[in-house]
Amino acid sequence: MAGPVGACSVGTMAMYLTPGFSCSIGNLTFSGFSYSSSAFGGATAIPAAGVTVTPITGAEEGFQFEAPWAVSSAQGEDSAIDYTVTATSGMINDLLLSMAGYGITDGGNVAIGETTVSPLLSLLLFDNSTGTMASDSLTGLSLTTLSVTKDIALAGNGGTATLSIVDNEFSTSSVPEPASMLLLGTGLLALAGYLRRRWS
């Protein structure tokens, strides 16, 4: 039987890829990490050891991923980060994706797409010639577990594209205490009895 899950800590993506690794932030447990990166046109693929992972705590909990993603003209780079998040108590209500340290020149493109499994949902960030969307969110989820995949893609086209930070955060709601549920149940029974007597 596995021991207790330790708190997530600052480290590299390589540390999070250790077989069987899982960690927690607040009442969320993160597991099943995977990472891949590829590049073309002379760009440099970012290795797992080159991505710094920092836990985010507070009203929202999750991770900040930091790396020197950068491409020049006719270059491209694509990284994928996957993991599963599970609420140990309460429910996952909201999902937030944001980026920082991004920029383009002369037709460059930065795009970050995030998809989830069960249910299938998607978020999209971008910085390109059509405009910029630096954050996106989904609310009202009410899930106990969620598998997420982030696709971080940069294309230089005729110019350059850079990105340094991607944040992925989750907010949760608490499950009512057993005593609160008992009180609510008692109140509902009393109301039902009152209504039965009134309409008899």
Foldseek 3Di string as FASTA:
>chain_A
DDDDAAADAKAFQVVLPPPPHWHDADQKIKHDKDKDKDKDPPADTQDRRQWIWHWDHDQWTDIKIFHKDKDWAQMKMKMKIKIKMFGNFFFWFKKKKFFDPKDAPDFKKKKKKKFKVPPTDIDIFMDGPVHGDGMDMDGGDGHRMIMMMIMIMIHNHNGMITTTIMTIIIHGDGDDDPVVVVVVVVVVVVVVVVVVVVVD
